[in-house]
């Protein structure tokens, strides 16, 4: 082979290599641009790139177009670079398997991840699991409150901000700090989605009822009970608003109205939605208790104990009430048994 032929072959080889590299770079750029995924509550999934995070939601670039997605519409965000412990832990948390989620999340150092937003995700889901466990009496509520406050202060622009505020309100309610709970729940009203605004009204009513102000609580809950529910989430909140409104009636001495509304809620209830059904039956128990029908209350709470014991917070609540109610129907030994089970399974619930 002469020199010219050799030089030509080299040039052809270099050109082929450069072309291959250029194609590879273009492919990598495209893959990088399509590396994050957003799962929406309506079932849609978007692939693209997370560009910006604020408390109102996220900016997400997909197909060359940037969309602003409200926080309340997001189920989860999967990020390029998510470590396996976060991927598994996040999913466990969303499925309500909080202890399993924490085990996975322990394997991830939030300070040793490729993107800051991933570290924030790790911190949030750890706190979410700890809060849910504490609400059912399986964790220190005060320490979780401190962690959530610190997270909110350091991540005021996280799209998890309103979820954090709601958890702080629920923990304040569990600790008996009803005024603080009301303040947290009212803050949800500034969220961008209808469902979160309605939850703000619902939870504020619940906190007012816990405070003993049934009339003020009824004002909030009537608005929730009267909404046009155009999504599954809103339908659930409306159902809970109706049963809590019935509880307000019972606390105000309007017993017939309370029972009539509670019966109507029960007729429309999907028993396969275990979390919702357990909350409805527990509220039904509180309604009967408020009207002086202790046998009816026992039956309602017993329904949760027997059929919905896979929902820890509701199960703990039912046991707490049964521990007091069994004696009122002449079976103190069963009350002692309920109290023992509560202490064993949910040791911090009544503390």
C-alpha atoms as a PDB file:
ATOM      1  CA  UNK A   1       0.000   0.000   0.000  1.00  0.00           C
ATOM      2  CA  UNK A   2       1.495   3.404  -0.993  1.00  0.00           C
ATOM      3  CA  UNK A   3       1.586   6.446   1.333  1.00  0.00           C
ATOM      4  CA  UNK A   4      -1.415   8.193  -0.292  1.00  0.00           C
ATOM      5  CA  UNK A   5      -3.591   5.112   0.050  1.00  0.00           C
ATOM      6  CA  UNK A   6      -2.453   4.715   3.663  1.00  0.00           C
ATOM      7  CA  UNK A   7      -3.213   8.382   4.485  1.00  0.00           C
ATOM      8  CA  UNK A   8      -6.642   8.035   2.807  1.00  0.00           C
ATOM      9  CA  UNK A   9      -7.448   4.982   4.865  1.00  0.00           C
ATOM     10  CA  UNK A  10      -6.461   6.803   8.076  1.00  0.00           C
ATOM     11  CA  UNK A  11      -8.633   9.782   7.165  1.00  0.00           C
ATOM     12  CA  UNK A  12     -11.579   7.470   6.441  1.00  0.00           C
ATOM     13  CA  UNK A  13     -11.047   5.645   9.726  1.00  0.00           C
ATOM     14  CA  UNK A  14     -10.822   8.904  11.710  1.00  0.00           C
ATOM     15  CA  UNK A  15     -13.948  10.240   9.974  1.00  0.00           C
ATOM     16  CA  UNK A  16     -15.864   7.064  10.785  1.00  0.00           C
ATOM     17  CA  UNK A  17     -14.750   7.255  14.427  1.00  0.00           C
ATOM     18  CA  UNK A  18     -15.714  10.928  14.730  1.00  0.00           C
ATOM     19  CA  UNK A  19     -19.111  10.209  13.189  1.00  0.00           C
ATOM     20  CA  UNK A  20     -19.682   7.362  15.632  1.00  0.00           C
ATOM     21  CA  UNK A  21     -18.657   9.543  18.559  1.00  0.00           C
ATOM     22  CA  UNK A  22     -20.958  12.346  17.402  1.00  0.00           C
ATOM     23  CA  UNK A  23     -23.893   9.946  17.126  1.00  0.00           C
ATOM     24  CA  UNK A  24     -23.080   8.522  20.555  1.00  0.00           C
ATOM     25  CA  UNK A  25     -22.931  12.024  22.045  1.00  0.00           C
ATOM     26  CA  UNK A  26     -26.254  12.919  20.473  1.00  0.00           C
ATOM     27  CA  UNK A  27     -27.791   9.720  21.822  1.00  0.00           C
ATOM     28  CA  UNK A  28     -26.379  10.404  25.299  1.00  0.00           C
ATOM     29  CA  UNK A  29     -27.679  13.960  25.260  1.00  0.00           C
ATOM     30  CA  UNK A  30     -31.099  12.713  24.200  1.00  0.00           C
ATOM     31  CA  UNK A  31     -31.085   9.988  26.851  1.00  0.00           C
ATOM     32  CA  UNK A  32     -30.010  12.478  29.506  1.00  0.00           C
ATOM     33  CA  UNK A  33     -32.789  14.847  28.480  1.00  0.00           C
ATOM     34  CA  UNK A  34     -35.316  12.038  28.836  1.00  0.00           C
ATOM     35  CA  UNK A  35     -33.978  10.564  32.088  1.00  0.00           C
ATOM     36  CA  UNK A  36     -36.506  11.764  34.703  1.00  0.00           C
ATOM     37  CA  UNK A  37     -40.113  10.598  35.012  1.00  0.00           C
ATOM     38  CA  UNK A  38     -43.154  12.154  36.671  1.00  0.00           C
ATOM     39  CA  UNK A  39     -46.078   9.956  37.695  1.00  0.00           C
ATOM     40  CA  UNK A  40     -49.296  11.926  38.029  1.00  0.00           C
ATOM     41  CA  UNK A  41     -52.259  11.108  40.238  1.00  0.00           C
ATOM     42  CA  UNK A  42     -54.483  10.709  37.166  1.00  0.00           C
ATOM     43  CA  UNK A  43     -52.304   7.830  35.923  1.00  0.00           C
ATOM     44  CA  UNK A  44     -50.308   9.768  33.311  1.00  0.00           C
ATOM     45  CA  UNK A  45     -46.525   9.392  33.128  1.00  0.00           C
ATOM     46  CA  UNK A  46     -44.186  12.018  31.658  1.00  0.00           C
ATOM     47  CA  UNK A  47     -40.565  11.435  30.626  1.00  0.00           C
ATOM     48  CA  UNK A  48     -38.138  14.310  30.337  1.00  0.00           C
ATOM     49  CA  UNK A  49     -36.040  16.470  32.606  1.00  0.00           C
ATOM     50  CA  UNK A  50     -36.826  18.096  35.942  1.00  0.00           C
ATOM     51  CA  UNK A  51     -35.805  21.728  35.538  1.00  0.00           C
ATOM     52  CA  UNK A  52     -37.053  23.569  38.621  1.00  0.00           C
ATOM     53  CA  UNK A  53     -38.656  22.774  41.982  1.00  0.00           C
ATOM     54  CA  UNK A  54     -40.793  25.159  44.059  1.00  0.00           C
ATOM     55  CA  UNK A  55     -43.380  24.550  46.768  1.00  0.00           C
ATOM     56  CA  UNK A  56     -46.190  25.044  44.254  1.00  0.00           C
ATOM     57  CA  UNK A  57     -44.859  22.234  42.055  1.00  0.00           C
ATOM     58  CA  UNK A  58     -42.202  21.509  39.449  1.00  0.00           C
ATOM     59  CA  UNK A  59     -41.137  22.680  36.004  1.00  0.00           C
ATOM     60  CA  UNK A  60     -40.637  19.655  33.776  1.00  0.00           C
ATOM     61  CA  UNK A  61     -39.304  19.602  30.224  1.00  0.00           C
ATOM     62  CA  UNK A  62     -40.744  16.884  28.003  1.00  0.00           C
ATOM     63  CA  UNK A  63     -40.713  16.713  24.218  1.00  0.00           C
ATOM     64  CA  UNK A  64     -39.050  20.111  23.930  1.00  0.00           C
ATOM     65  CA  UNK A  65     -41.794  21.795  25.947  1.00  0.00           C
ATOM     66  CA  UNK A  66     -41.625  22.877  29.600  1.00  0.00           C
ATOM     67  CA  UNK A  67     -44.710  22.330  31.743  1.00  0.00           C
ATOM     68  CA  UNK A  68     -45.468  23.562  35.244  1.00  0.00           C
ATOM     69  CA  UNK A  69     -46.988  20.671  37.198  1.00  0.00           C
ATOM     70  CA  UNK A  70     -48.795  21.506  40.477  1.00  0.00           C
ATOM     71  CA  UNK A  71     -47.540  19.676  43.559  1.00  0.00           C
ATOM     72  CA  UNK A  72     -50.934  18.189  44.344  1.00  0.00           C
ATOM     73  CA  UNK A  73     -51.091  16.468  40.953  1.00  0.00           C
ATOM     74  CA  UNK A  74     -47.836  14.572  41.467  1.00  0.00           C
ATOM     75  CA  UNK A  75     -47.769  11.027  42.790  1.00  0.00           C
ATOM     76  CA  UNK A  76     -43.983  10.583  42.540  1.00  0.00           C
ATOM     77  CA  UNK A  77     -40.926  11.716  40.608  1.00  0.00           C
ATOM     78  CA  UNK A  78     -38.231   9.242  39.554  1.00  0.00           C
ATOM     79  CA  UNK A  79     -34.902  10.948  38.944  1.00  0.00           C
ATOM     80  CA  UNK A  80     -31.836  10.063  36.918  1.00  0.00           C
ATOM     81  CA  UNK A  81     -29.265   8.910  39.446  1.00  0.00           C
ATOM     82  CA  UNK A  82     -31.761   7.632  42.024  1.00  0.00           C
ATOM     83  CA  UNK A  83     -29.921   4.999  44.105  1.00  0.00           C
ATOM     84  CA  UNK A  84     -31.672   1.614  44.436  1.00  0.00           C
ATOM     85  CA  UNK A  85     -32.423   2.225  48.126  1.00  0.00           C
ATOM     86  CA  UNK A  86     -34.416   5.348  47.257  1.00  0.00           C
ATOM     87  CA  UNK A  87     -36.255   3.674  44.369  1.00  0.00           C
ATOM     88  CA  UNK A  88     -37.349   0.768  46.564  1.00  0.00           C
ATOM     89  CA  UNK A  89     -37.868   2.871  49.689  1.00  0.00           C
ATOM     90  CA  UNK A  90     -40.019   5.450  47.919  1.00  0.00           C
ATOM     91  CA  UNK A  91     -42.256   2.749  46.477  1.00  0.00           C
ATOM     92  CA  UNK A  92     -42.610   0.960  49.812  1.00  0.00           C
ATOM     93  CA  UNK A  93     -43.556   4.290  51.424  1.00  0.00           C
ATOM     94  CA  UNK A  94     -46.197   5.025  48.798  1.00  0.00           C
ATOM     95  CA  UNK A  95     -47.651   1.548  49.385  1.00  0.00           C
ATOM     96  CA  UNK A  96     -47.852   2.157  53.140  1.00  0.00           C
ATOM     97  CA  UNK A  97     -45.043  -0.275  54.028  1.00  0.00           C
ATOM     98  CA  UNK A  98     -43.210   2.222  56.185  1.00  0.00           C
ATOM     99  CA  UNK A  99     -40.878  -0.053  58.132  1.00  0.00           C
ATOM    100  CA  UNK A 100     -39.698  -1.769  54.944  1.00  0.00           C
ATOM    101  CA  UNK A 101     -39.255   1.652  53.337  1.00  0.00           C
ATOM    102  CA  UNK A 102     -37.059   2.886  56.174  1.00  0.00           C
ATOM    103  CA  UNK A 103     -34.838  -0.183  55.889  1.00  0.00           C
ATOM    104  CA  UNK A 104     -34.208   0.605  52.224  1.00  0.00           C
ATOM    105  CA  UNK A 105     -33.735   4.338  52.799  1.00  0.00           C
ATOM    106  CA  UNK A 106     -31.135   3.695  55.520  1.00  0.00           C
ATOM    107  CA  UNK A 107     -28.773   2.480  52.801  1.00  0.00           C
ATOM    108  CA  UNK A 108     -28.694   5.925  51.159  1.00  0.00           C
ATOM    109  CA  UNK A 109     -26.593   8.854  52.382  1.00  0.00           C
ATOM    110  CA  UNK A 110     -28.504  12.000  51.278  1.00  0.00           C
ATOM    111  CA  UNK A 111     -25.193  13.889  51.180  1.00  0.00           C
ATOM    112  CA  UNK A 112     -23.587  11.382  48.804  1.00  0.00           C
ATOM    113  CA  UNK A 113     -25.923  11.456  45.807  1.00  0.00           C
ATOM    114  CA  UNK A 114     -25.394  12.887  42.302  1.00  0.00           C
ATOM    115  CA  UNK A 115     -28.107  15.569  42.549  1.00  0.00           C
ATOM    116  CA  UNK A 116     -29.277  17.712  45.456  1.00  0.00           C
ATOM    117  CA  UNK A 117     -32.932  16.983  44.674  1.00  0.00           C
ATOM    118  CA  UNK A 118     -32.248  13.271  45.222  1.00  0.00           C
ATOM    119  CA  UNK A 119     -30.921  14.006  48.703  1.00  0.00           C
ATOM    120  CA  UNK A 120     -34.091  15.979  49.435  1.00  0.00           C
ATOM    121  CA  UNK A 121     -36.187  13.010  48.294  1.00  0.00           C
ATOM    122  CA  UNK A 122     -34.317  10.689  50.663  1.00  0.00           C
ATOM    123  CA  UNK A 123     -34.839  13.045  53.605  1.00  0.00           C
ATOM    124  CA  UNK A 124     -38.531  13.549  52.848  1.00  0.00           C
ATOM    125  CA  UNK A 125     -39.407   9.871  52.513  1.00  0.00           C
ATOM    126  CA  UNK A 126     -37.546   9.013  55.705  1.00  0.00           C
ATOM    127  CA  UNK A 127     -39.578  11.637  57.553  1.00  0.00           C
ATOM    128  CA  UNK A 128     -42.807  10.535  55.884  1.00  0.00           C
ATOM    129  CA  UNK A 129     -42.289   6.965  57.122  1.00  0.00           C
ATOM    130  CA  UNK A 130     -41.304   8.099  60.609  1.00  0.00           C
ATOM    131  CA  UNK A 131     -44.360  10.368  60.810  1.00  0.00           C
ATOM    132  CA  UNK A 132     -46.774   7.643  59.702  1.00  0.00           C
ATOM    133  CA  UNK A 133     -45.310   5.187  62.202  1.00  0.00           C
ATOM    134  CA  UNK A 134     -45.426   7.779  64.997  1.00  0.00           C
ATOM    135  CA  UNK A 135     -49.079   8.584  64.253  1.00  0.00           C
ATOM    136  CA  UNK A 136     -49.966   4.948  64.896  1.00  0.00           C
ATOM    137  CA  UNK A 137     -47.956   4.892  68.136  1.00  0.00           C
ATOM    138  CA  UNK A 138     -44.839   3.246  66.744  1.00  0.00           C
ATOM    139  CA  UNK A 139     -42.421   6.139  67.054  1.00  0.00           C
ATOM    140  CA  UNK A 140     -41.538   9.286  68.977  1.00  0.00           C
ATOM    141  CA  UNK A 141     -43.926  11.961  67.729  1.00  0.00           C
ATOM    142  CA  UNK A 142     -42.012  14.912  69.158  1.00  0.00           C
ATOM    143  CA  UNK A 143     -38.723  13.929  67.532  1.00  0.00           C
ATOM    144  CA  UNK A 144     -40.471  13.482  64.176  1.00  0.00           C
ATOM    145  CA  UNK A 145     -42.044  16.937  64.555  1.00  0.00           C
ATOM    146  CA  UNK A 146     -38.566  18.404  65.092  1.00  0.00           C
ATOM    147  CA  UNK A 147     -37.304  16.630  61.968  1.00  0.00           C
ATOM    148  CA  UNK A 148     -40.215  17.804  59.842  1.00  0.00           C
ATOM    149  CA  UNK A 149     -39.828  21.404  61.005  1.00  0.00           C
ATOM    150  CA  UNK A 150     -36.146  21.327  60.146  1.00  0.00           C
ATOM    151  CA  UNK A 151     -36.912  19.850  56.726  1.00  0.00           C
ATOM    152  CA  UNK A 152     -39.558  22.508  56.013  1.00  0.00           C
ATOM    153  CA  UNK A 153     -37.162  25.264  57.067  1.00  0.00           C
ATOM    154  CA  UNK A 154     -34.323  23.986  54.896  1.00  0.00           C
ATOM    155  CA  UNK A 155     -36.539  23.028  51.928  1.00  0.00           C
ATOM    156  CA  UNK A 156     -39.205  25.716  51.794  1.00  0.00           C
ATOM    157  CA  UNK A 157     -39.233  25.373  48.000  1.00  0.00           C
ATOM    158  CA  UNK A 158     -39.651  21.596  47.952  1.00  0.00           C
ATOM    159  CA  UNK A 159     -42.704  20.290  46.119  1.00  0.00           C
ATOM    160  CA  UNK A 160     -43.220  18.191  49.269  1.00  0.00           C
ATOM    161  CA  UNK A 161     -43.801  21.372  51.320  1.00  0.00           C
ATOM    162  CA  UNK A 162     -47.578  20.992  51.630  1.00  0.00           C
ATOM    163  CA  UNK A 163     -47.291  17.285  52.424  1.00  0.00           C
ATOM    164  CA  UNK A 164     -44.883  18.233  55.199  1.00  0.00           C
ATOM    165  CA  UNK A 165     -47.292  20.850  56.557  1.00  0.00           C
ATOM    166  CA  UNK A 166     -50.122  18.287  56.572  1.00  0.00           C
ATOM    167  CA  UNK A 167     -48.017  15.763  58.479  1.00  0.00           C
ATOM    168  CA  UNK A 168     -47.044  18.430  61.008  1.00  0.00           C
ATOM    169  CA  UNK A 169     -50.732  19.212  61.473  1.00  0.00           C
ATOM    170  CA  UNK A 170     -51.615  15.545  61.987  1.00  0.00           C
ATOM    171  CA  UNK A 171     -48.841  15.135  64.552  1.00  0.00           C
ATOM    172  CA  UNK A 172     -49.917  18.305  66.365  1.00  0.00           C
ATOM    173  CA  UNK A 173     -53.435  16.872  66.487  1.00  0.00           C
ATOM    174  CA  UNK A 174     -52.130  13.568  67.874  1.00  0.00           C
ATOM    175  CA  UNK A 175     -50.177  15.488  70.537  1.00  0.00           C
ATOM    176  CA  UNK A 176     -53.293  17.437  71.543  1.00  0.00           C
ATOM    177  CA  UNK A 177     -52.003  20.770  70.216  1.00  0.00           C
ATOM    178  CA  UNK A 178     -55.206  21.591  68.338  1.00  0.00           C
ATOM    179  CA  UNK A 179     -54.488  25.289  67.727  1.00  0.00           C
ATOM    180  CA  UNK A 180     -51.156  24.503  66.108  1.00  0.00           C
ATOM    181  CA  UNK A 181     -52.827  21.779  64.039  1.00  0.00           C
ATOM    182  CA  UNK A 182     -55.413  24.281  62.807  1.00  0.00           C
ATOM    183  CA  UNK A 183     -52.641  26.684  61.789  1.00  0.00           C
ATOM    184  CA  UNK A 184     -50.820  23.985  59.806  1.00  0.00           C
ATOM    185  CA  UNK A 185     -53.991  22.782  58.121  1.00  0.00           C
ATOM    186  CA  UNK A 186     -55.056  26.304  57.174  1.00  0.00           C
ATOM    187  CA  UNK A 187     -51.696  26.801  55.426  1.00  0.00           C
ATOM    188  CA  UNK A 188     -52.686  24.123  52.908  1.00  0.00           C
ATOM    189  CA  UNK A 189     -55.256  26.534  51.476  1.00  0.00           C
ATOM    190  CA  UNK A 190     -52.473  28.313  49.564  1.00  0.00           C
ATOM    191  CA  UNK A 191     -51.658  25.113  47.627  1.00  0.00           C
ATOM    192  CA  UNK A 192     -52.320  25.193  43.867  1.00  0.00           C
ATOM    193  CA  UNK A 193     -54.709  22.234  43.522  1.00  0.00           C
ATOM    194  CA  UNK A 194     -58.392  21.936  44.388  1.00  0.00           C
ATOM    195  CA  UNK A 195     -57.923  18.686  46.292  1.00  0.00           C
ATOM    196  CA  UNK A 196     -55.333  20.165  48.650  1.00  0.00           C
ATOM    197  CA  UNK A 197     -57.490  23.240  49.237  1.00  0.00           C
ATOM    198  CA  UNK A 198     -60.453  20.998  50.079  1.00  0.00           C
ATOM    199  CA  UNK A 199     -58.259  18.897  52.376  1.00  0.00           C
ATOM    200  CA  UNK A 200     -57.281  22.131  54.105  1.00  0.00           C
ATOM    201  CA  UNK A 201     -60.930  22.841  54.855  1.00  0.00           C
ATOM    202  CA  UNK A 202     -61.596  19.234  55.898  1.00  0.00           C
ATOM    203  CA  UNK A 203     -58.600  18.912  58.216  1.00  0.00           C
ATOM    204  CA  UNK A 204     -59.247  22.328  59.758  1.00  0.00           C
ATOM    205  CA  UNK A 205     -62.776  21.142  60.557  1.00  0.00           C
ATOM    206  CA  UNK A 206     -61.410  17.938  62.100  1.00  0.00           C
ATOM    207  CA  UNK A 207     -59.031  19.932  64.308  1.00  0.00           C
ATOM    208  CA  UNK A 208     -61.822  22.271  65.410  1.00  0.00           C
ATOM    209  CA  UNK A 209     -63.925  19.237  66.308  1.00  0.00           C
ATOM    210  CA  UNK A 210     -61.036  17.813  68.345  1.00  0.00           C
ATOM    211  CA  UNK A 211     -60.815  21.170  70.101  1.00  0.00           C
ATOM    212  CA  UNK A 212     -64.473  20.828  71.101  1.00  0.00           C
ATOM    213  CA  UNK A 213     -65.910  23.473  68.798  1.00  0.00           C
ATOM    214  CA  UNK A 214     -68.470  21.327  66.939  1.00  0.00           C
ATOM    215  CA  UNK A 215     -70.357  24.309  65.523  1.00  0.00           C
ATOM    216  CA  UNK A 216     -67.275  25.882  63.906  1.00  0.00           C
ATOM    217  CA  UNK A 217     -66.156  22.450  62.697  1.00  0.00           C
ATOM    218  CA  UNK A 218     -69.566  21.863  61.084  1.00  0.00           C
ATOM    219  CA  UNK A 219     -69.246  25.116  59.109  1.00  0.00           C
ATOM    220  CA  UNK A 220     -66.027  23.835  57.494  1.00  0.00           C
ATOM    221  CA  UNK A 221     -67.216  20.266  57.013  1.00  0.00           C
ATOM    222  CA  UNK A 222     -70.516  21.286  55.394  1.00  0.00           C
ATOM    223  CA  UNK A 223     -68.497  22.982  52.668  1.00  0.00           C
ATOM    224  CA  UNK A 224     -66.491  19.789  52.128  1.00  0.00           C
ATOM    225  CA  UNK A 225     -69.613  17.612  52.128  1.00  0.00           C
ATOM    226  CA  UNK A 226     -71.167  19.826  49.455  1.00  0.00           C
ATOM    227  CA  UNK A 227     -68.312  19.878  46.936  1.00  0.00           C
ATOM    228  CA  UNK A 228     -68.550  18.533  43.393  1.00  0.00           C
ATOM    229  CA  UNK A 229     -66.151  15.587  43.515  1.00  0.00           C
ATOM    230  CA  UNK A 230     -64.568  15.287  40.070  1.00  0.00           C
ATOM    231  CA  UNK A 231     -61.689  12.992  41.071  1.00  0.00           C
ATOM    232  CA  UNK A 232     -61.107   9.913  43.236  1.00  0.00           C
ATOM    233  CA  UNK A 233     -59.134  11.952  45.764  1.00  0.00           C
ATOM    234  CA  UNK A 234     -61.895  14.557  46.094  1.00  0.00           C
ATOM    235  CA  UNK A 235     -64.528  11.828  46.420  1.00  0.00           C
ATOM    236  CA  UNK A 236     -62.621  10.333  49.361  1.00  0.00           C
ATOM    237  CA  UNK A 237     -62.242  13.702  51.056  1.00  0.00           C
ATOM    238  CA  UNK A 238     -65.942  14.367  50.537  1.00  0.00           C
ATOM    239  CA  UNK A 239     -66.831  11.019  52.144  1.00  0.00           C
ATOM    240  CA  UNK A 240     -64.656  11.804  55.158  1.00  0.00           C
ATOM    241  CA  UNK A 241     -66.161  15.291  55.345  1.00  0.00           C
ATOM    242  CA  UNK A 242     -69.664  13.835  55.456  1.00  0.00           C
ATOM    243  CA  UNK A 243     -68.914  11.320  58.218  1.00  0.00           C
ATOM    244  CA  UNK A 244     -67.124  13.965  60.306  1.00  0.00           C
ATOM    245  CA  UNK A 245     -70.069  16.315  59.772  1.00  0.00           C
ATOM    246  CA  UNK A 246     -72.299  13.566  61.189  1.00  0.00           C
ATOM    247  CA  UNK A 247     -69.956  13.456  64.176  1.00  0.00           C
ATOM    248  CA  UNK A 248     -70.420  17.205  64.623  1.00  0.00           C
ATOM    249  CA  UNK A 249     -74.187  16.686  64.685  1.00  0.00           C
ATOM    250  CA  UNK A 250     -73.826  13.984  67.333  1.00  0.00           C
ATOM    251  CA  UNK A 251     -71.609  16.203  69.477  1.00  0.00           C
ATOM    252  CA  UNK A 252     -74.239  18.966  69.199  1.00  0.00           C
ATOM    253  CA  UNK A 253     -77.112  16.724  70.309  1.00  0.00           C
ATOM    254  CA  UNK A 254     -78.590  16.377  66.817  1.00  0.00           C
ATOM    255  CA  UNK A 255     -78.614  12.605  67.140  1.00  0.00           C
ATOM    256  CA  UNK A 256     -81.195  11.709  64.508  1.00  0.00           C
ATOM    257  CA  UNK A 257     -79.451  13.817  61.861  1.00  0.00           C
ATOM    258  CA  UNK A 258     -76.114  12.311  62.833  1.00  0.00           C
ATOM    259  CA  UNK A 259     -77.296   8.693  62.487  1.00  0.00           C
ATOM    260  CA  UNK A 260     -79.156   9.390  59.253  1.00  0.00           C
ATOM    261  CA  UNK A 261     -76.086  10.973  57.627  1.00  0.00           C
ATOM    262  CA  UNK A 262     -73.754   8.267  58.957  1.00  0.00           C
ATOM    263  CA  UNK A 263     -76.033   5.567  57.501  1.00  0.00           C
ATOM    264  CA  UNK A 264     -76.044   7.338  54.130  1.00  0.00           C
ATOM    265  CA  UNK A 265     -72.235   7.468  54.100  1.00  0.00           C
ATOM    266  CA  UNK A 266     -72.058   3.764  54.913  1.00  0.00           C
ATOM    267  CA  UNK A 267     -74.397   2.892  52.030  1.00  0.00           C
ATOM    268  CA  UNK A 268     -72.082   4.618  49.540  1.00  0.00           C
ATOM    269  CA  UNK A 269     -68.856   3.220  51.017  1.00  0.00           C
ATOM    270  CA  UNK A 270     -66.487   0.986  49.052  1.00  0.00           C
ATOM    271  CA  UNK A 271     -65.408  -1.668  51.607  1.00  0.00           C
ATOM    272  CA  UNK A 272     -62.386  -2.553  49.472  1.00  0.00           C
ATOM    273  CA  UNK A 273     -60.864   0.860  50.187  1.00  0.00           C
ATOM    274  CA  UNK A 274     -59.532  -0.284  53.544  1.00  0.00           C
ATOM    275  CA  UNK A 275     -58.065   3.011  54.730  1.00  0.00           C
ATOM    276  CA  UNK A 276     -61.198   5.003  53.916  1.00  0.00           C
ATOM    277  CA  UNK A 277     -63.545   2.337  55.296  1.00  0.00           C
ATOM    278  CA  UNK A 278     -61.596   2.084  58.556  1.00  0.00           C
ATOM    279  CA  UNK A 279     -61.824   5.838  59.098  1.00  0.00           C
ATOM    280  CA  UNK A 280     -65.565   5.831  58.374  1.00  0.00           C
ATOM    281  CA  UNK A 281     -66.239   2.999  60.830  1.00  0.00           C
ATOM    282  CA  UNK A 282     -64.144   4.683  63.521  1.00  0.00           C
ATOM    283  CA  UNK A 283     -66.059   7.933  63.050  1.00  0.00           C
ATOM    284  CA  UNK A 284     -69.272   5.917  63.180  1.00  0.00           C
ATOM    285  CA  UNK A 285     -68.092   4.544  66.523  1.00  0.00           C
ATOM    286  CA  UNK A 286     -67.483   8.071  67.795  1.00  0.00           C
ATOM    287  CA  UNK A 287     -70.965   9.097  66.655  1.00  0.00           C
ATOM    288  CA  UNK A 288     -72.621   6.258  68.579  1.00  0.00           C
ATOM    289  CA  UNK A 289     -70.418   7.008  71.578  1.00  0.00           C
ATOM    290  CA  UNK A 290     -71.466  10.676  71.527  1.00  0.00           C
ATOM    291  CA  UNK A 291     -75.162   9.702  71.377  1.00  0.00           C
ATOM    292  CA  UNK A 292     -74.777   7.316  74.317  1.00  0.00           C
ATOM    293  CA  UNK A 293     -75.225   4.141  72.268  1.00  0.00           C
ATOM    294  CA  UNK A 294     -72.201   2.288  73.643  1.00  0.00           C
ATOM    295  CA  UNK A 295     -73.167  -1.062  72.113  1.00  0.00           C
ATOM    296  CA  UNK A 296     -73.392   0.542  68.677  1.00  0.00           C
ATOM    297  CA  UNK A 297     -70.009   2.193  69.289  1.00  0.00           C
ATOM    298  CA  UNK A 298     -68.432  -1.136  70.270  1.00  0.00           C
ATOM    299  CA  UNK A 299     -69.751  -2.780  67.110  1.00  0.00           C
ATOM    300  CA  UNK A 300     -68.392   0.009  64.896  1.00  0.00           C
ATOM    301  CA  UNK A 301     -64.917  -0.023  66.457  1.00  0.00           C
ATOM    302  CA  UNK A 302     -64.937  -3.820  66.506  1.00  0.00           C
ATOM    303  CA  UNK A 303     -65.552  -3.722  62.761  1.00  0.00           C
ATOM    304  CA  UNK A 304     -62.252  -1.859  62.348  1.00  0.00           C
ATOM    305  CA  UNK A 305     -60.421  -4.131  64.774  1.00  0.00           C
ATOM    306  CA  UNK A 306     -61.474  -7.290  62.973  1.00  0.00           C
ATOM    307  CA  UNK A 307     -61.627  -6.250  59.316  1.00  0.00           C
ATOM    308  CA  UNK A 308     -59.252  -3.308  58.965  1.00  0.00           C
ATOM    309  CA  UNK A 309     -56.391  -4.191  61.316  1.00  0.00           C
ATOM    310  CA  UNK A 310     -53.989  -3.833  58.377  1.00  0.00           C
ATOM    311  CA  UNK A 311     -54.449  -0.035  58.630  1.00  0.00           C
ATOM    312  CA  UNK A 312     -52.272   0.711  61.682  1.00  0.00           C
ATOM    313  CA  UNK A 313     -53.467   4.193  62.646  1.00  0.00           C
ATOM    314  CA  UNK A 314     -57.159   3.282  62.402  1.00  0.00           C
ATOM    315  CA  UNK A 315     -56.577  -0.034  64.157  1.00  0.00           C
ATOM    316  CA  UNK A 316     -54.788   1.696  67.037  1.00  0.00           C
ATOM    317  CA  UNK A 317     -57.626   4.221  67.309  1.00  0.00           C
ATOM    318  CA  UNK A 318     -60.236   1.459  67.451  1.00  0.00           C
ATOM    319  CA  UNK A 319     -58.331  -0.390  70.186  1.00  0.00           C
ATOM    320  CA  UNK A 320     -57.956   2.827  72.181  1.00  0.00           C
ATOM    321  CA  UNK A 321     -61.724   3.359  72.161  1.00  0.00           C
ATOM    322  CA  UNK A 322     -62.564  -0.297  72.798  1.00  0.00           C
ATOM    323  CA  UNK A 323     -60.296  -0.299  75.836  1.00  0.00           C
ATOM    324  CA  UNK A 324     -62.729   2.207  77.390  1.00  0.00           C
ATOM    325  CA  UNK A 325     -66.018   1.079  75.852  1.00  0.00           C
ATOM    326  CA  UNK A 326     -66.028  -2.627  76.707  1.00  0.00           C
ATOM    327  CA  UNK A 327     -66.478  -1.825  80.402  1.00  0.00           C
ATOM    328  CA  UNK A 328     -69.517   0.325  79.563  1.00  0.00           C
ATOM    329  CA  UNK A 329     -71.253  -2.695  78.039  1.00  0.00           C
ATOM    330  CA  UNK A 330     -70.368  -4.969  80.945  1.00  0.00           C
ATOM    331  CA  UNK A 331     -67.258  -6.680  79.556  1.00  0.00           C
ATOM    332  CA  UNK A 332     -64.270  -5.112  81.333  1.00  0.00           C
ATOM    333  CA  UNK A 333     -62.083  -8.167  80.629  1.00  0.00           C
ATOM    334  CA  UNK A 334     -62.324  -7.488  76.902  1.00  0.00           C
ATOM    335  CA  UNK A 335     -61.395  -3.865  77.553  1.00  0.00           C
ATOM    336  CA  UNK A 336     -58.277  -5.056  79.364  1.00  0.00           C
ATOM    337  CA  UNK A 337     -57.427  -7.294  76.414  1.00  0.00           C
ATOM    338  CA  UNK A 338     -57.839  -4.390  73.964  1.00  0.00           C
ATOM    339  CA  UNK A 339     -55.639  -2.195  76.179  1.00  0.00           C
ATOM    340  CA  UNK A 340     -52.974  -4.909  76.286  1.00  0.00           C
ATOM    341  CA  UNK A 341     -52.955  -5.311  72.504  1.00  0.00           C
ATOM    342  CA  UNK A 342     -52.773  -1.540  72.057  1.00  0.00           C
ATOM    343  CA  UNK A 343     -49.756  -1.362  74.359  1.00  0.00           C
ATOM    344  CA  UNK A 344     -47.990  -4.221  72.607  1.00  0.00           C
ATOM    345  CA  UNK A 345     -48.606  -3.199  68.999  1.00  0.00           C
ATOM    346  CA  UNK A 346     -48.794   0.599  69.280  1.00  0.00           C
ATOM    347  CA  UNK A 347     -46.968   1.494  72.522  1.00  0.00           C
ATOM    348  CA  UNK A 348     -46.908   5.248  71.959  1.00  0.00           C
ATOM    349  CA  UNK A 349     -50.452   5.760  70.691  1.00  0.00           C
ATOM    350  CA  UNK A 350     -52.102   7.066  73.874  1.00  0.00           C
ATOM    351  CA  UNK A 351     -49.043   8.950  75.097  1.00  0.00           C
END
